[in-house]
Amino acid sequence: MLSFPGSVRVFLAVEPADMRKGFEGLHALASEVLREDVRSGALFVFTNKRHTRLKMLYFDGTGLWLLTKRLEEGSFAWPKLEEIGAVKLALRPEALAMLTNGIDLRGAKMRPWFERG
């Protein structure tokens, strides 16, 4: 299981991405489509059409990390946005951990005592 500090910002690309993309291709998606600075220290998460693969792009201050996960069976419960034209969804690191561990976030919510500022 991956874990990230509570302060890290996480952005999910809502639309599927071509999983053949590497550092440069995902960097371009984060910059041009998601309109975020890749070097900001945020984590960018992309999936394929079938939601069976994830790629995450992260800049740690010295270089880019590219993390990949391929499910052996099943699929990730990828969130859908109700806002028309939205291309990204901001998630908390805890929600990303649940998503990557197979928990369906639809209808789930953080308890008030768990909220962090």
PDB file of N, CA and C in Angstrom:
ATOM      1  N   MET A   1       0.831  -1.175   0.000  1.00  0.00           N
ATOM      2  CA  MET A   1       0.000   0.000   0.000  1.00  0.00           C
ATOM      3  C   MET A   1       0.878   1.241   0.000  1.00  0.00           C
ATOM      4  N   LEU A   2       0.534   2.178  -0.862  1.00  0.00           N
ATOM      5  CA  LEU A   2       1.244   3.452  -0.908  1.00  0.00           C
ATOM      6  C   LEU A   2       0.652   4.412   0.102  1.00  0.00           C
ATOM      7  N   SER A   3       1.492   5.248   0.651  1.00  0.00           N
ATOM      8  CA  SER A   3       0.971   6.315   1.505  1.00  0.00           C
ATOM      9  C   SER A   3       1.759   7.577   1.210  1.00  0.00           C
ATOM     10  N   PHE A   4       1.075   8.688   1.278  1.00  0.00           N
ATOM     11  CA  PHE A   4       1.680   9.985   1.024  1.00  0.00           C
ATOM     12  C   PHE A   4       1.345  10.896   2.182  1.00  0.00           C
ATOM     13  N   PRO A   5       2.156  11.933   2.409  1.00  0.00           N
ATOM     14  CA  PRO A   5       1.858  12.858   3.502  1.00  0.00           C
ATOM     15  C   PRO A   5       0.506  13.532   3.285  1.00  0.00           C
ATOM     16  N   GLY A   6      -0.171  13.870   4.358  1.00  0.00           N
ATOM     17  CA  GLY A   6      -1.472  14.513   4.276  1.00  0.00           C
ATOM     18  C   GLY A   6      -1.447  15.845   3.569  1.00  0.00           C
ATOM     19  N   SER A   7      -0.265  16.430   3.424  1.00  0.00           N
ATOM     20  CA  SER A   7      -0.165  17.746   2.791  1.00  0.00           C
ATOM     21  C   SER A   7      -0.062  17.670   1.266  1.00  0.00           C
ATOM     22  N   VAL A   8       0.165  16.484   0.708  1.00  0.00           N
ATOM     23  CA  VAL A   8       0.343  16.383  -0.744  1.00  0.00           C
ATOM     24  C   VAL A   8      -1.001  16.574  -1.443  1.00  0.00           C
ATOM     25  N   ARG A   9      -0.995  17.357  -2.516  1.00  0.00           N
ATOM     26  CA  ARG A   9      -2.207  17.546  -3.309  1.00  0.00           C
ATOM     27  C   ARG A   9      -2.265  16.451  -4.357  1.00  0.00           C
ATOM     28  N   VAL A  10      -3.453  15.903  -4.574  1.00  0.00           N
ATOM     29  CA  VAL A  10      -3.642  14.802  -5.525  1.00  0.00           C
ATOM     30  C   VAL A  10      -4.679  15.234  -6.556  1.00  0.00           C
ATOM     31  N   PHE A  11      -4.331  15.101  -7.839  1.00  0.00           N
ATOM     32  CA  PHE A  11      -5.254  15.425  -8.919  1.00  0.00           C
ATOM     33  C   PHE A  11      -5.465  14.198  -9.787  1.00  0.00           C
ATOM     34  N   LEU A  12      -6.723  13.802  -9.953  1.00  0.00           N
ATOM     35  CA  LEU A  12      -7.083  12.695 -10.841  1.00  0.00           C
ATOM     36  C   LEU A  12      -7.553  13.270 -12.165  1.00  0.00           C
ATOM     37  N   ALA A  13      -7.023  12.740 -13.246  1.00  0.00           N
ATOM     38  CA  ALA A  13      -7.537  13.089 -14.570  1.00  0.00           C
ATOM     39  C   ALA A  13      -8.824  12.290 -14.757  1.00  0.00           C
ATOM     40  N   VAL A  14      -9.922  12.969 -15.005  1.00  0.00           N
ATOM     41  CA  VAL A  14     -11.216  12.303 -15.106  1.00  0.00           C
ATOM     42  C   VAL A  14     -11.297  11.440 -16.360  1.00  0.00           C
ATOM     43  N   GLU A  15     -10.810  11.962 -17.473  1.00  0.00           N
ATOM     44  CA  GLU A  15     -10.866  11.232 -18.734  1.00  0.00           C
ATOM     45  C   GLU A  15      -9.713  10.226 -18.813  1.00  0.00           C
ATOM     46  N   PRO A  16      -9.925   9.100 -19.466  1.00  0.00           N
ATOM     47  CA  PRO A  16      -8.854   8.105 -19.621  1.00  0.00           C
ATOM     48  C   PRO A  16      -7.667   8.664 -20.416  1.00  0.00           C
ATOM     49  N   ALA A  17      -6.498   8.132 -20.118  1.00  0.00           N
ATOM     50  CA  ALA A  17      -5.277   8.528 -20.811  1.00  0.00           C
ATOM     51  C   ALA A  17      -4.687   7.309 -21.523  1.00  0.00           C
ATOM     52  N   ASP A  18      -3.875   7.565 -22.506  1.00  0.00           N
ATOM     53  CA  ASP A  18      -3.159   6.508 -23.217  1.00  0.00           C
ATOM     54  C   ASP A  18      -2.050   6.004 -22.292  1.00  0.00           C
ATOM     55  N   MET A  19      -2.141   4.770 -21.854  1.00  0.00           N
ATOM     56  CA  MET A  19      -1.179   4.228 -20.899  1.00  0.00           C
ATOM     57  C   MET A  19       0.185   3.950 -21.515  1.00  0.00           C
ATOM     58  N   ARG A  20       0.329   4.183 -22.813  1.00  0.00           N
ATOM     59  CA  ARG A  20       1.660   4.074 -23.432  1.00  0.00           C
ATOM     60  C   ARG A  20       2.496   5.311 -23.144  1.00  0.00           C
ATOM     61  N   LYS A  21       1.867   6.364 -22.649  1.00  0.00           N
ATOM     62  CA  LYS A  21       2.581   7.604 -22.359  1.00  0.00           C
ATOM     63  C   LYS A  21       3.548   7.389 -21.200  1.00  0.00           C
ATOM     64  N   GLY A  22       4.682   8.048 -21.318  1.00  0.00           N
ATOM     65  CA  GLY A  22       5.695   8.002 -20.276  1.00  0.00           C
ATOM     66  C   GLY A  22       5.809   9.354 -19.592  1.00  0.00           C
ATOM     67  N   PHE A  23       7.011   9.677 -19.148  1.00  0.00           N
ATOM     68  CA  PHE A  23       7.251  10.924 -18.425  1.00  0.00           C
ATOM     69  C   PHE A  23       6.772  12.147 -19.201  1.00  0.00           C
ATOM     70  N   GLU A  24       7.257  12.295 -20.428  1.00  0.00           N
ATOM     71  CA  GLU A  24       6.948  13.496 -21.206  1.00  0.00           C
ATOM     72  C   GLU A  24       5.462  13.587 -21.557  1.00  0.00           C
ATOM     73  N   GLY A  25       4.853  12.473 -21.959  1.00  0.00           N
ATOM     74  CA  GLY A  25       3.441  12.486 -22.330  1.00  0.00           C
ATOM     75  C   GLY A  25       2.532  12.819 -21.162  1.00  0.00           C
ATOM     76  N   LEU A  26       2.804  12.239 -20.002  1.00  0.00           N
ATOM     77  CA  LEU A  26       1.990  12.518 -18.820  1.00  0.00           C
ATOM     78  C   LEU A  26       2.263  13.928 -18.284  1.00  0.00           C
ATOM     79  N   HIS A  27       3.499  14.377 -18.411  1.00  0.00           N
ATOM     80  CA  HIS A  27       3.839  15.756 -18.038  1.00  0.00           C
ATOM     81  C   HIS A  27       3.014  16.722 -18.876  1.00  0.00           C
ATOM     82  N   ALA A  28       2.913  16.452 -20.176  1.00  0.00           N
ATOM     83  CA  ALA A  28       2.122  17.305 -21.066  1.00  0.00           C
ATOM     84  C   ALA A  28       0.642  17.277 -20.680  1.00  0.00           C
ATOM     85  N   LEU A  29       0.105  16.111 -20.348  1.00  0.00           N
ATOM     86  CA  LEU A  29      -1.302  16.020 -19.927  1.00  0.00           C
ATOM     87  C   LEU A  29      -1.543  16.833 -18.654  1.00  0.00           C
ATOM     88  N   ALA A  30      -0.660  16.700 -17.690  1.00  0.00           N
ATOM     89  CA  ALA A  30      -0.821  17.434 -16.433  1.00  0.00           C
ATOM     90  C   ALA A  30      -0.739  18.940 -16.664  1.00  0.00           C
ATOM     91  N   SER A  31       0.162  19.362 -17.531  1.00  0.00           N
ATOM     92  CA  SER A  31       0.338  20.792 -17.785  1.00  0.00           C
ATOM     93  C   SER A  31      -0.755  21.378 -18.662  1.00  0.00           C
ATOM     94  N   GLU A  32      -1.032  20.710 -19.783  1.00  0.00           N
ATOM     95  CA  GLU A  32      -1.933  21.286 -20.786  1.00  0.00           C
ATOM     96  C   GLU A  32      -3.404  20.963 -20.545  1.00  0.00           C
ATOM     97  N   VAL A  33      -3.711  19.749 -20.116  1.00  0.00           N
ATOM     98  CA  VAL A  33      -5.114  19.370 -19.927  1.00  0.00           C
ATOM     99  C   VAL A  33      -5.583  19.699 -18.507  1.00  0.00           C
ATOM    100  N   LEU A  34      -4.805  19.300 -17.511  1.00  0.00           N
ATOM    101  CA  LEU A  34      -5.201  19.557 -16.125  1.00  0.00           C
ATOM    102  C   LEU A  34      -4.858  20.974 -15.674  1.00  0.00           C
ATOM    103  N   ARG A  35      -4.004  21.651 -16.431  1.00  0.00           N
ATOM    104  CA  ARG A  35      -3.599  23.030 -16.152  1.00  0.00           C
ATOM    105  C   ARG A  35      -2.968  23.186 -14.768  1.00  0.00           C
ATOM    106  N   GLU A  36      -2.054  22.274 -14.457  1.00  0.00           N
ATOM    107  CA  GLU A  36      -1.343  22.314 -13.178  1.00  0.00           C
ATOM    108  C   GLU A  36       0.154  22.275 -13.441  1.00  0.00           C
ATOM    109  N   ASP A  37       0.925  22.846 -12.529  1.00  0.00           N
ATOM    110  CA  ASP A  37       2.380  22.820 -12.621  1.00  0.00           C
ATOM    111  C   ASP A  37       2.881  21.494 -12.054  1.00  0.00           C
ATOM    112  N   VAL A  38       3.504  20.704 -12.896  1.00  0.00           N
ATOM    113  CA  VAL A  38       3.977  19.379 -12.482  1.00  0.00           C
ATOM    114  C   VAL A  38       5.016  19.496 -11.380  1.00  0.00           C
ATOM    115  N   ARG A  39       5.801  20.556 -11.371  1.00  0.00           N
ATOM    116  CA  ARG A  39       6.861  20.728 -10.380  1.00  0.00           C
ATOM    117  C   ARG A  39       6.362  21.290  -9.050  1.00  0.00           C
ATOM    118  N   SER A  40       5.052  21.357  -8.878  1.00  0.00           N
ATOM    119  CA  SER A  40       4.481  21.905  -7.646  1.00  0.00           C
ATOM    120  C   SER A  40       4.537  20.922  -6.484  1.00  0.00           C
ATOM    121  N   GLY A  41       4.866  19.674  -6.754  1.00  0.00           N
ATOM    122  CA  GLY A  41       4.888  18.667  -5.695  1.00  0.00           C
ATOM    123  C   GLY A  41       3.577  17.919  -5.562  1.00  0.00           C
ATOM    124  N   ALA A  42       2.641  18.189  -6.464  1.00  0.00           N
ATOM    125  CA  ALA A  42       1.362  17.475  -6.455  1.00  0.00           C
ATOM    126  C   ALA A  42       1.533  16.117  -7.127  1.00  0.00           C
ATOM    127  N   LEU A  43       0.609  15.232  -6.864  1.00  0.00           N
ATOM    128  CA  LEU A  43       0.594  13.895  -7.442  1.00  0.00           C
ATOM    129  C   LEU A  43      -0.514  13.865  -8.494  1.00  0.00           C
ATOM    130  N   PHE A  44      -0.180  13.415  -9.704  1.00  0.00           N
ATOM    131  CA  PHE A  44      -1.130  13.375 -10.814  1.00  0.00           C
ATOM    132  C   PHE A  44      -1.431  11.924 -11.152  1.00  0.00           C
ATOM    133  N   VAL A  45      -2.721  11.577 -11.191  1.00  0.00           N
ATOM    134  CA  VAL A  45      -3.139  10.187 -11.366  1.00  0.00           C
ATOM    135  C   VAL A  45      -3.945  10.058 -12.653  1.00  0.00           C
ATOM    136  N   PHE A  46      -3.566   9.068 -13.459  1.00  0.00           N
ATOM    137  CA  PHE A  46      -4.202   8.810 -14.750  1.00  0.00           C
ATOM    138  C   PHE A  46      -4.619   7.342 -14.821  1.00  0.00           C
ATOM    139  N   THR A  47      -5.664   7.048 -15.595  1.00  0.00           N
ATOM    140  CA  THR A  47      -6.113   5.676 -15.782  1.00  0.00           C
ATOM    141  C   THR A  47      -6.409   5.417 -17.254  1.00  0.00           C
ATOM    142  N   ASN A  48      -6.588   4.148 -17.592  1.00  0.00           N
ATOM    143  CA  ASN A  48      -6.970   3.776 -18.958  1.00  0.00           C
ATOM    144  C   ASN A  48      -8.493   3.688 -19.070  1.00  0.00           C
ATOM    145  N   LYS A  49      -8.995   3.382 -20.268  1.00  0.00           N
ATOM    146  CA  LYS A  49     -10.445   3.339 -20.501  1.00  0.00           C
ATOM    147  C   LYS A  49     -11.147   2.287 -19.657  1.00  0.00           C
ATOM    148  N   ARG A  50     -10.505   1.149 -19.452  1.00  0.00           N
ATOM    149  CA  ARG A  50     -11.139   0.056 -18.696  1.00  0.00           C
ATOM    150  C   ARG A  50     -10.913   0.177 -17.199  1.00  0.00           C
ATOM    151  N   HIS A  51     -10.161   1.170 -16.770  1.00  0.00           N
ATOM    152  CA  HIS A  51      -9.852   1.416 -15.355  1.00  0.00           C
ATOM    153  C   HIS A  51      -9.160   0.223 -14.703  1.00  0.00           C
ATOM    154  N   THR A  52      -8.283  -0.420 -15.454  1.00  0.00           N
ATOM    155  CA  THR A  52      -7.525  -1.546 -14.918  1.00  0.00           C
ATOM    156  C   THR A  52      -6.061  -1.180 -14.670  1.00  0.00           C
ATOM    157  N   ARG A  53      -5.672   0.012 -15.085  1.00  0.00           N
ATOM    158  CA  ARG A  53      -4.291   0.471 -14.903  1.00  0.00           C
ATOM    159  C   ARG A  53      -4.277   1.904 -14.401  1.00  0.00           C
ATOM    160  N   LEU A  54      -3.272   2.197 -13.579  1.00  0.00           N
ATOM    161  CA  LEU A  54      -3.040   3.550 -13.080  1.00  0.00           C
ATOM    162  C   LEU A  54      -1.610   3.947 -13.371  1.00  0.00           C
ATOM    163  N   LYS A  55      -1.429   5.219 -13.659  1.00  0.00           N
ATOM    164  CA  LYS A  55      -0.092   5.806 -13.694  1.00  0.00           C
ATOM    165  C   LYS A  55      -0.146   7.076 -12.878  1.00  0.00           C
ATOM    166  N   MET A  56       0.869   7.258 -12.040  1.00  0.00           N
ATOM    167  CA  MET A  56       0.965   8.442 -11.201  1.00  0.00           C
ATOM    168  C   MET A  56       2.277   9.146 -11.487  1.00  0.00           C
ATOM    169  N   LEU A  57       2.204  10.462 -11.610  1.00  0.00           N
ATOM    170  CA  LEU A  57       3.369  11.294 -11.874  1.00  0.00           C
ATOM    171  C   LEU A  57       3.583  12.192 -10.668  1.00  0.00           C
ATOM    172  N   TYR A  58       4.826  12.234 -10.171  1.00  0.00           N
ATOM    173  CA  TYR A  58       5.120  12.998  -8.962  1.00  0.00           C
ATOM    174  C   TYR A  58       6.518  13.594  -9.062  1.00  0.00           C
ATOM    175  N   PHE A  59       6.634  14.884  -8.772  1.00  0.00           N
ATOM    176  CA  PHE A  59       7.932  15.562  -8.758  1.00  0.00           C
ATOM    177  C   PHE A  59       8.355  15.734  -7.309  1.00  0.00           C
ATOM    178  N   ASP A  60       9.506  15.155  -6.931  1.00  0.00           N
ATOM    179  CA  ASP A  60       9.948  15.197  -5.530  1.00  0.00           C
ATOM    180  C   ASP A  60      10.952  16.304  -5.230  1.00  0.00           C
ATOM    181  N   GLY A  61      11.175  17.190  -6.188  1.00  0.00           N
ATOM    182  CA  GLY A  61      12.134  18.275  -5.985  1.00  0.00           C
ATOM    183  C   GLY A  61      13.421  18.044  -6.749  1.00  0.00           C
ATOM    184  N   THR A  62      13.725  16.787  -7.061  1.00  0.00           N
ATOM    185  CA  THR A  62      14.949  16.489  -7.812  1.00  0.00           C
ATOM    186  C   THR A  62      14.654  15.843  -9.152  1.00  0.00           C
ATOM    187  N   GLY A  63      13.469  15.294  -9.310  1.00  0.00           N
ATOM    188  CA  GLY A  63      13.115  14.630 -10.561  1.00  0.00           C
ATOM    189  C   GLY A  63      11.706  14.076 -10.503  1.00  0.00           C
ATOM    190  N   LEU A  64      11.282  13.532 -11.626  1.00  0.00           N
ATOM    191  CA  LEU A  64       9.931  12.971 -11.737  1.00  0.00           C
ATOM    192  C   LEU A  64       9.917  11.492 -11.402  1.00  0.00           C
ATOM    193  N   TRP A  65       8.910  11.094 -10.660  1.00  0.00           N
ATOM    194  CA  TRP A  65       8.614   9.686 -10.394  1.00  0.00           C
ATOM    195  C   TRP A  65       7.450   9.289 -11.288  1.00  0.00           C
ATOM    196  N   LEU A  66       7.497   8.087 -11.810  1.00  0.00           N
ATOM    197  CA  LEU A  66       6.378   7.526 -12.554  1.00  0.00           C
ATOM    198  C   LEU A  66       6.041   6.192 -11.912  1.00  0.00           C
ATOM    199  N   LEU A  67       4.873   6.118 -11.280  1.00  0.00           N
ATOM    200  CA  LEU A  67       4.432   4.899 -10.610  1.00  0.00           C
ATOM    201  C   LEU A  67       3.314   4.279 -11.435  1.00  0.00           C
ATOM    202  N   THR A  68       3.316   2.962 -11.550  1.00  0.00           N
ATOM    203  CA  THR A  68       2.329   2.259 -12.360  1.00  0.00           C
ATOM    204  C   THR A  68       1.746   1.096 -11.571  1.00  0.00           C
ATOM    205  N   LYS A  69       0.429   0.893 -11.733  1.00  0.00           N
ATOM    206  CA  LYS A  69      -0.216  -0.269 -11.132  1.00  0.00           C
ATOM    207  C   LYS A  69      -1.141  -0.890 -12.171  1.00  0.00           C
ATOM    208  N   ARG A  70      -1.037  -2.208 -12.326  1.00  0.00           N
ATOM    209  CA  ARG A  70      -1.921  -2.964 -13.220  1.00  0.00           C
ATOM    210  C   ARG A  70      -2.658  -3.988 -12.374  1.00  0.00           C
ATOM    211  N   LEU A  71      -3.984  -3.941 -12.419  1.00  0.00           N
ATOM    212  CA  LEU A  71      -4.776  -4.907 -11.663  1.00  0.00           C
ATOM    213  C   LEU A  71      -4.773  -6.258 -12.364  1.00  0.00           C
ATOM    214  N   GLU A  72      -4.692  -7.302 -11.613  1.00  0.00           N
ATOM    215  CA  GLU A  72      -4.762  -8.649 -12.167  1.00  0.00           C
ATOM    216  C   GLU A  72      -6.198  -9.014 -12.539  1.00  0.00           C
ATOM    217  N   GLU A  73      -7.170  -8.501 -11.757  1.00  0.00           N
ATOM    218  CA  GLU A  73      -8.579  -8.695 -12.086  1.00  0.00           C
ATOM    219  C   GLU A  73      -9.366  -7.544 -11.493  1.00  0.00           C
ATOM    220  N   GLY A  74     -10.547  -7.293 -12.043  1.00  0.00           N
ATOM    221  CA  GLY A  74     -11.377  -6.196 -11.565  1.00  0.00           C
ATOM    222  C   GLY A  74     -10.943  -4.860 -12.149  1.00  0.00           C
ATOM    223  N   SER A  75     -11.497  -3.791 -11.598  1.00  0.00           N
ATOM    224  CA  SER A  75     -11.161  -2.456 -12.066  1.00  0.00           C
ATOM    225  C   SER A  75     -11.251  -1.464 -10.911  1.00  0.00           C
ATOM    226  N   PHE A  76     -10.625  -0.321 -11.105  1.00  0.00           N
ATOM    227  CA  PHE A  76     -10.697   0.750 -10.119  1.00  0.00           C
ATOM    228  C   PHE A  76     -12.054   1.427 -10.240  1.00  0.00           C
ATOM    229  N   ALA A  77     -12.645   1.809  -9.130  1.00  0.00           N
ATOM    230  CA  ALA A  77     -13.908   2.545  -9.137  1.00  0.00           C
ATOM    231  C   ALA A  77     -13.572   4.016  -9.370  1.00  0.00           C
ATOM    232  N   TRP A  78     -13.451   4.381 -10.643  1.00  0.00           N
ATOM    233  CA  TRP A  78     -13.004   5.729 -10.996  1.00  0.00           C
ATOM    234  C   TRP A  78     -14.132   6.724 -10.806  1.00  0.00           C
ATOM    235  N   PRO A  79     -13.878   7.814 -10.089  1.00  0.00           N
ATOM    236  CA  PRO A  79     -14.932   8.810  -9.858  1.00  0.00           C
ATOM    237  C   PRO A  79     -15.333   9.524 -11.150  1.00  0.00           C
ATOM    238  N   LYS A  80     -16.589   9.926 -11.220  1.00  0.00           N
ATOM    239  CA  LYS A  80     -17.094  10.714 -12.340  1.00  0.00           C
ATOM    240  C   LYS A  80     -17.512  12.070 -11.798  1.00  0.00           C
ATOM    241  N   LEU A  81     -17.255  13.097 -12.595  1.00  0.00           N
ATOM    242  CA  LEU A  81     -17.636  14.439 -12.175  1.00  0.00           C
ATOM    243  C   LEU A  81     -18.991  14.807 -12.738  1.00  0.00           C
ATOM    244  N   GLU A  82     -19.786  15.443 -11.917  1.00  0.00           N
ATOM    245  CA  GLU A  82     -21.088  15.917 -12.373  1.00  0.00           C
ATOM    246  C   GLU A  82     -20.969  17.275 -13.039  1.00  0.00           C
ATOM    247  N   GLU A  83     -19.853  17.965 -12.798  1.00  0.00           N
ATOM    248  CA  GLU A  83     -19.632  19.281 -13.382  1.00  0.00           C
ATOM    249  C   GLU A  83     -19.225  19.122 -14.846  1.00  0.00           C
ATOM    250  N   ILE A  84     -20.005  19.710 -15.744  1.00  0.00           N
ATOM    251  CA  ILE A  84     -19.748  19.579 -17.175  1.00  0.00           C
ATOM    252  C   ILE A  84     -18.454  20.297 -17.533  1.00  0.00           C
ATOM    253  N   GLY A  85     -17.607  19.615 -18.280  1.00  0.00           N
ATOM    254  CA  GLY A  85     -16.353  20.198 -18.740  1.00  0.00           C
ATOM    255  C   GLY A  85     -15.196  20.067 -17.773  1.00  0.00           C
ATOM    256  N   ALA A  86     -15.423  19.525 -16.588  1.00  0.00           N
ATOM    257  CA  ALA A  86     -14.333  19.364 -15.624  1.00  0.00           C
ATOM    258  C   ALA A  86     -13.386  18.270 -16.103  1.00  0.00           C
ATOM    259  N   VAL A  87     -12.100  18.488 -15.957  1.00  0.00           N
ATOM    260  CA  VAL A  87     -11.107  17.533 -16.432  1.00  0.00           C
ATOM    261  C   VAL A  87     -10.329  16.873 -15.305  1.00  0.00           C
ATOM    262  N   LYS A  88     -10.452  17.415 -14.089  1.00  0.00           N
ATOM    263  CA  LYS A  88      -9.693  16.858 -12.966  1.00  0.00           C
ATOM    264  C   LYS A  88     -10.529  16.881 -11.704  1.00  0.00           C
ATOM    265  N   LEU A  89     -10.107  16.061 -10.786  1.00  0.00           N
ATOM    266  CA  LEU A  89     -10.744  15.964  -9.486  1.00  0.00           C
ATOM    267  C   LEU A  89      -9.640  15.995  -8.438  1.00  0.00           C
ATOM    268  N   ALA A  90      -9.770  16.879  -7.466  1.00  0.00           N
ATOM    269  CA  ALA A  90      -8.802  16.937  -6.372  1.00  0.00           C
ATOM    270  C   ALA A  90      -9.222  15.930  -5.307  1.00  0.00           C
ATOM    271  N   LEU A  91      -8.277  15.112  -4.886  1.00  0.00           N
ATOM    272  CA  LEU A  91      -8.535  14.103  -3.856  1.00  0.00           C
ATOM    273  C   LEU A  91      -7.586  14.300  -2.691  1.00  0.00           C
ATOM    274  N   ARG A  92      -8.004  13.834  -1.544  1.00  0.00           N
ATOM    275  CA  ARG A  92      -7.105  13.793  -0.396  1.00  0.00           C
ATOM    276  C   ARG A  92      -6.233  12.547  -0.526  1.00  0.00           C
ATOM    277  N   PRO A  93      -5.054  12.551   0.041  1.00  0.00           N
ATOM    278  CA  PRO A  93      -4.198  11.366  -0.019  1.00  0.00           C
ATOM    279  C   PRO A  93      -4.872  10.115   0.540  1.00  0.00           C
ATOM    280  N   GLU A  94      -5.699  10.274   1.573  1.00  0.00           N
ATOM    281  CA  GLU A  94      -6.397   9.125   2.149  1.00  0.00           C
ATOM    282  C   GLU A  94      -7.377   8.518   1.149  1.00  0.00           C
ATOM    283  N   ALA A  95      -8.056   9.379   0.385  1.00  0.00           N
ATOM    284  CA  ALA A  95      -8.999   8.902  -0.621  1.00  0.00           C
ATOM    285  C   ALA A  95      -8.261   8.184  -1.747  1.00  0.00           C
ATOM    286  N   LEU A  96      -7.079   8.674  -2.108  1.00  0.00           N
ATOM    287  CA  LEU A  96      -6.277   7.991  -3.129  1.00  0.00           C
ATOM    288  C   LEU A  96      -5.874   6.610  -2.641  1.00  0.00           C
ATOM    289  N   ALA A  97      -5.487   6.500  -1.380  1.00  0.00           N
ATOM    290  CA  ALA A  97      -5.119   5.199  -0.827  1.00  0.00           C
ATOM    291  C   ALA A  97      -6.292   4.231  -0.891  1.00  0.00           C
ATOM    292  N   MET A  98      -7.490   4.720  -0.580  1.00  0.00           N
ATOM    293  CA  MET A  98      -8.668   3.856  -0.648  1.00  0.00           C
ATOM    294  C   MET A  98      -8.954   3.452  -2.091  1.00  0.00           C
ATOM    295  N   LEU A  99      -8.858   4.403  -3.017  1.00  0.00           N
ATOM    296  CA  LEU A  99      -9.112   4.121  -4.428  1.00  0.00           C
ATOM    297  C   LEU A  99      -8.158   3.056  -4.950  1.00  0.00           C
ATOM    298  N   THR A 100      -6.871   3.177  -4.633  1.00  0.00           N
ATOM    299  CA  THR A 100      -5.892   2.212  -5.126  1.00  0.00           C
ATOM    300  C   THR A 100      -6.002   0.858  -4.440  1.00  0.00           C
ATOM    301  N   ASN A 101      -6.691   0.818  -3.295  1.00  0.00           N
ATOM    302  CA  ASN A 101      -6.879  -0.443  -2.580  1.00  0.00           C
ATOM    303  C   ASN A 101      -8.230  -1.079  -2.850  1.00  0.00           C
ATOM    304  N   GLY A 102      -8.969  -0.556  -3.832  1.00  0.00           N
ATOM    305  CA  GLY A 102     -10.199  -1.207  -4.258  1.00  0.00           C
ATOM    306  C   GLY A 102     -11.474  -0.741  -3.593  1.00  0.00           C
ATOM    307  N   ILE A 103     -11.425   0.347  -2.863  1.00  0.00           N
ATOM    308  CA  ILE A 103     -12.632   0.848  -2.218  1.00  0.00           C
ATOM    309  C   ILE A 103     -13.345   1.802  -3.169  1.00  0.00           C
ATOM    310  N   ASP A 104     -14.654   1.612  -3.336  1.00  0.00           N
ATOM    311  CA  ASP A 104     -15.461   2.473  -4.195  1.00  0.00           C
ATOM    312  C   ASP A 104     -15.797   3.734  -3.417  1.00  0.00           C
ATOM    313  N   LEU A 105     -15.354   4.880  -3.907  1.00  0.00           N
ATOM    314  CA  LEU A 105     -15.542   6.141  -3.196  1.00  0.00           C
ATOM    315  C   LEU A 105     -16.919   6.765  -3.432  1.00  0.00           C
ATOM    316  N   ARG A 106     -17.696   6.234  -4.367  1.00  0.00           N
ATOM    317  CA  ARG A 106     -19.027   6.798  -4.614  1.00  0.00           C
ATOM    318  C   ARG A 106     -19.899   6.557  -3.395  1.00  0.00           C
ATOM    319  N   GLY A 107     -20.407   7.632  -2.863  1.00  0.00           N
ATOM    320  CA  GLY A 107     -21.263   7.544  -1.685  1.00  0.00           C
ATOM    321  C   GLY A 107     -20.487   7.532  -0.374  1.00  0.00           C
ATOM    322  N   ALA A 108     -19.173   7.359  -0.445  1.00  0.00           N
ATOM    323  CA  ALA A 108     -18.362   7.365   0.778  1.00  0.00           C
ATOM    324  C   ALA A 108     -18.046   8.812   1.149  1.00  0.00           C
ATOM    325  N   LYS A 109     -17.862   9.057   2.411  1.00  0.00           N
ATOM    326  CA  LYS A 109     -17.472  10.392   2.844  1.00  0.00           C
ATOM    327  C   LYS A 109     -16.621  10.274   4.092  1.00  0.00           C
ATOM    328  N   MET A 110     -15.784  11.283   4.297  1.00  0.00           N
ATOM    329  CA  MET A 110     -14.954  11.323   5.488  1.00  0.00           C
ATOM    330  C   MET A 110     -15.817  11.747   6.671  1.00  0.00           C
ATOM    331  N   ARG A 111     -15.591  11.143   7.802  1.00  0.00           N
ATOM    332  CA  ARG A 111     -16.317  11.506   9.018  1.00  0.00           C
ATOM    333  C   ARG A 111     -15.832  12.888   9.460  1.00  0.00           C
ATOM    334  N   PRO A 112     -16.695  13.687  10.107  1.00  0.00           N
ATOM    335  CA  PRO A 112     -16.300  15.041  10.502  1.00  0.00           C
ATOM    336  C   PRO A 112     -15.046  15.062  11.382  1.00  0.00           C
ATOM    337  N   TRP A 113     -14.888  14.085  12.253  1.00  0.00           N
ATOM    338  CA  TRP A 113     -13.733  14.073  13.139  1.00  0.00           C
ATOM    339  C   TRP A 113     -12.443  13.749  12.383  1.00  0.00           C
ATOM    340  N   PHE A 114     -12.550  13.211  11.157  1.00  0.00           N
ATOM    341  CA  PHE A 114     -11.378  12.839  10.384  1.00  0.00           C
ATOM    342  C   PHE A 114     -10.887  13.965   9.492  1.00  0.00           C
ATOM    343  N   GLU A 115     -11.711  14.989   9.288  1.00  0.00           N
ATOM    344  CA  GLU A 115     -11.353  16.092   8.396  1.00  0.00           C
ATOM    345  C   GLU A 115     -10.091  16.776   8.888  1.00  0.00           C
ATOM    346  N   ARG A 116      -9.231  17.072   7.939  1.00  0.00           N
ATOM    347  CA  ARG A 116      -8.008  17.826   8.228  1.00  0.00           C
ATOM    348  C   ARG A 116      -8.104  19.169   7.545  1.00  0.00           C
ATOM    349  N   GLY A 117      -7.517  20.181   8.156  1.00  0.00           N
ATOM    350  CA  GLY A 117      -7.583  21.537   7.597  1.00  0.00           C
ATOM    351  C   GLY A 117      -6.762  21.755   6.373  1.00  0.00           C
TER     352      GLY A 117
END
